Amino acid sequence: MVRPRSLRCMTDTFFKPGDHVVSPDARGTVIDIQATPSGKWVFGVEDDSGRVGYFTSRALRIAQS
């Protein structure tokens, strides 16, 4: 049996504190990393106004200079 190729072959990207990222809300800096009970990682991102939001790696991208 031939299995069809998956259209989603993305691996999870891992960010570290201090990384500058783009979130769905705004640009910011990773300040916190936590594991969820389901085994996923979420990243705390602080924007310029000081607001912190938590996102999975799929929602974040490395910010371009």
N, C-alpha and C. Protein backbone atom coordinates (compact mmCIF):
# COMPACT_ATOMS: atom_id res chain seq x y z
N MET A 1 0.83 -1.17 0.00
CA MET A 1 0.00 0.00 0.00
C MET A 1 0.89 1.25 0.00
N VAL A 2 0.59 2.19 -0.87
CA VAL A 2 1.36 3.41 -0.97
C VAL A 2 0.64 4.51 -0.19
N ARG A 3 1.36 5.11 0.72
CA ARG A 3 0.76 6.19 1.51
C ARG A 3 0.98 7.51 0.78
N PRO A 4 -0.05 8.35 0.70
CA PRO A 4 0.13 9.65 0.05
C PRO A 4 1.06 10.53 0.88
N ARG A 5 1.77 11.38 0.18
CA ARG A 5 2.66 12.31 0.87
C ARG A 5 1.85 13.35 1.62
N SER A 6 2.34 13.70 2.75
CA SER A 6 1.68 14.73 3.55
C SER A 6 2.01 16.10 2.96
N LEU A 7 1.02 16.96 2.90
CA LEU A 7 1.25 18.31 2.42
C LEU A 7 1.87 19.18 3.51
N ARG A 8 1.77 18.73 4.73
CA ARG A 8 2.34 19.47 5.85
C ARG A 8 3.52 18.71 6.40
N CYS A 9 4.68 19.03 5.95
CA CYS A 9 5.89 18.36 6.42
C CYS A 9 6.74 19.30 7.26
N MET A 10 6.11 20.29 7.87
CA MET A 10 6.86 21.26 8.66
C MET A 10 7.25 20.65 10.00
N THR A 11 8.46 20.95 10.40
CA THR A 11 8.88 20.56 11.74
C THR A 11 8.68 21.77 12.65
N ASP A 12 8.53 21.51 13.93
CA ASP A 12 8.38 22.61 14.87
C ASP A 12 9.70 23.35 15.00
N THR A 13 9.61 24.66 14.95
CA THR A 13 10.76 25.51 15.17
C THR A 13 10.84 25.82 16.65
N PHE A 14 12.03 25.81 17.18
CA PHE A 14 12.18 26.10 18.60
C PHE A 14 12.85 27.45 18.75
N PHE A 15 12.21 28.34 19.50
CA PHE A 15 12.74 29.67 19.75
C PHE A 15 13.36 29.71 21.13
N LYS A 16 14.27 30.63 21.34
CA LYS A 16 14.90 30.78 22.65
C LYS A 16 14.68 32.19 23.16
N PRO A 17 14.77 32.39 24.48
CA PRO A 17 14.58 33.73 25.04
C PRO A 17 15.53 34.73 24.38
N GLY A 18 14.99 35.90 24.05
CA GLY A 18 15.77 36.93 23.38
C GLY A 18 15.58 36.98 21.89
N ASP A 19 15.02 35.90 21.30
CA ASP A 19 14.77 35.91 19.85
C ASP A 19 13.71 36.95 19.51
N HIS A 20 13.95 37.69 18.44
CA HIS A 20 12.97 38.66 17.95
C HIS A 20 12.08 37.93 16.95
N VAL A 21 10.77 37.99 17.20
CA VAL A 21 9.82 37.23 16.39
C VAL A 21 8.65 38.10 15.95
N VAL A 22 7.91 37.59 14.98
CA VAL A 22 6.66 38.20 14.55
C VAL A 22 5.54 37.25 14.95
N SER A 23 4.60 37.76 15.75
CA SER A 23 3.45 36.96 16.17
C SER A 23 2.23 37.44 15.39
N PRO A 24 1.10 36.76 15.53
CA PRO A 24 -0.11 37.23 14.83
C PRO A 24 -0.52 38.63 15.27
N ASP A 25 -0.11 39.07 16.46
CA ASP A 25 -0.48 40.39 16.96
C ASP A 25 0.51 41.48 16.57
N ALA A 26 1.79 41.22 16.75
CA ALA A 26 2.81 42.25 16.52
C ALA A 26 4.20 41.62 16.59
N ARG A 27 5.20 42.46 16.41
CA ARG A 27 6.58 42.02 16.62
C ARG A 27 6.87 42.02 18.11
N GLY A 28 7.78 41.16 18.53
CA GLY A 28 8.13 41.12 19.93
C GLY A 28 9.36 40.29 20.19
N THR A 29 9.61 40.06 21.47
CA THR A 29 10.77 39.30 21.90
C THR A 29 10.31 38.13 22.76
N VAL A 30 10.87 36.96 22.52
CA VAL A 30 10.55 35.78 23.33
C VAL A 30 11.13 35.99 24.72
N ILE A 31 10.26 35.90 25.74
CA ILE A 31 10.72 36.09 27.12
C ILE A 31 10.46 34.89 28.00
N ASP A 32 9.65 33.93 27.52
CA ASP A 32 9.27 32.80 28.36
C ASP A 32 8.96 31.59 27.48
N ILE A 33 9.27 30.41 27.98
CA ILE A 33 8.95 29.16 27.28
C ILE A 33 8.33 28.22 28.30
N GLN A 34 7.18 27.64 27.96
CA GLN A 34 6.51 26.71 28.87
C GLN A 34 5.98 25.51 28.10
N ALA A 35 5.92 24.38 28.78
CA ALA A 35 5.32 23.18 28.21
C ALA A 35 3.86 23.11 28.65
N THR A 36 2.99 22.67 27.74
CA THR A 36 1.59 22.48 28.08
C THR A 36 1.38 21.04 28.55
N PRO A 37 0.26 20.73 29.20
CA PRO A 37 0.00 19.35 29.62
C PRO A 37 -0.03 18.36 28.46
N SER A 38 -0.36 18.85 27.26
CA SER A 38 -0.42 17.95 26.11
C SER A 38 0.94 17.72 25.46
N GLY A 39 1.98 18.35 26.01
CA GLY A 39 3.32 18.13 25.48
C GLY A 39 3.76 19.14 24.44
N LYS A 40 2.97 20.14 24.16
CA LYS A 40 3.36 21.20 23.21
C LYS A 40 4.13 22.27 23.96
N TRP A 41 4.91 23.05 23.22
CA TRP A 41 5.63 24.18 23.79
C TRP A 41 4.92 25.46 23.40
N VAL A 42 4.82 26.39 24.34
CA VAL A 42 4.30 27.72 24.05
C VAL A 42 5.36 28.74 24.45
N PHE A 43 5.38 29.83 23.69
CA PHE A 43 6.41 30.84 23.83
C PHE A 43 5.76 32.16 24.23
N GLY A 44 6.25 32.75 25.32
CA GLY A 44 5.76 34.05 25.76
C GLY A 44 6.48 35.13 24.98
N VAL A 45 5.71 36.00 24.32
CA VAL A 45 6.27 37.06 23.50
C VAL A 45 5.81 38.40 24.05
N GLU A 46 6.78 39.27 24.36
CA GLU A 46 6.48 40.62 24.85
C GLU A 46 6.64 41.60 23.70
N ASP A 47 5.59 42.40 23.46
CA ASP A 47 5.67 43.40 22.40
C ASP A 47 6.21 44.72 22.97
N ASP A 48 6.32 45.75 22.11
CA ASP A 48 6.90 47.03 22.53
C ASP A 48 6.12 47.73 23.63
N SER A 49 4.82 47.46 23.72
CA SER A 49 4.00 48.11 24.74
C SER A 49 4.06 47.38 26.08
N GLY A 50 4.78 46.24 26.14
CA GLY A 50 4.91 45.48 27.37
C GLY A 50 3.89 44.37 27.54
N ARG A 51 2.98 44.23 26.58
CA ARG A 51 1.97 43.17 26.64
C ARG A 51 2.61 41.82 26.28
N VAL A 52 2.24 40.77 27.01
CA VAL A 52 2.77 39.44 26.77
C VAL A 52 1.65 38.53 26.28
N GLY A 53 1.92 37.80 25.21
CA GLY A 53 1.00 36.80 24.69
C GLY A 53 1.75 35.49 24.52
N TYR A 54 1.01 34.39 24.60
CA TYR A 54 1.62 33.06 24.46
C TYR A 54 1.17 32.43 23.16
N PHE A 55 2.14 31.86 22.41
CA PHE A 55 1.88 31.32 21.09
C PHE A 55 2.63 30.01 20.91
N THR A 56 2.11 29.14 20.05
CA THR A 56 2.86 27.95 19.66
C THR A 56 3.88 28.34 18.60
N SER A 57 4.80 27.46 18.32
CA SER A 57 5.84 27.77 17.32
C SER A 57 5.25 27.97 15.93
N ARG A 58 4.11 27.37 15.66
CA ARG A 58 3.49 27.51 14.34
C ARG A 58 2.96 28.92 14.10
N ALA A 59 2.70 29.66 15.19
CA ALA A 59 2.17 31.02 15.06
C ALA A 59 3.28 32.07 14.98
N LEU A 60 4.51 31.67 15.23
CA LEU A 60 5.62 32.63 15.27
C LEU A 60 6.55 32.45 14.09
N ARG A 61 7.17 33.56 13.71
CA ARG A 61 8.21 33.56 12.68
C ARG A 61 9.35 34.44 13.17
N ILE A 62 10.58 34.09 12.78
CA ILE A 62 11.72 34.93 13.12
C ILE A 62 11.56 36.27 12.42
N ALA A 63 11.78 37.37 13.14
CA ALA A 63 11.63 38.71 12.57
C ALA A 63 12.83 39.01 11.66
N GLN A 64 12.54 39.60 10.53
CA GLN A 64 13.59 40.04 9.61
C GLN A 64 14.06 41.41 10.03
N SER A 65 15.33 41.67 9.97
CA SER A 65 15.88 42.97 10.38
C SER A 65 15.45 44.08 9.47
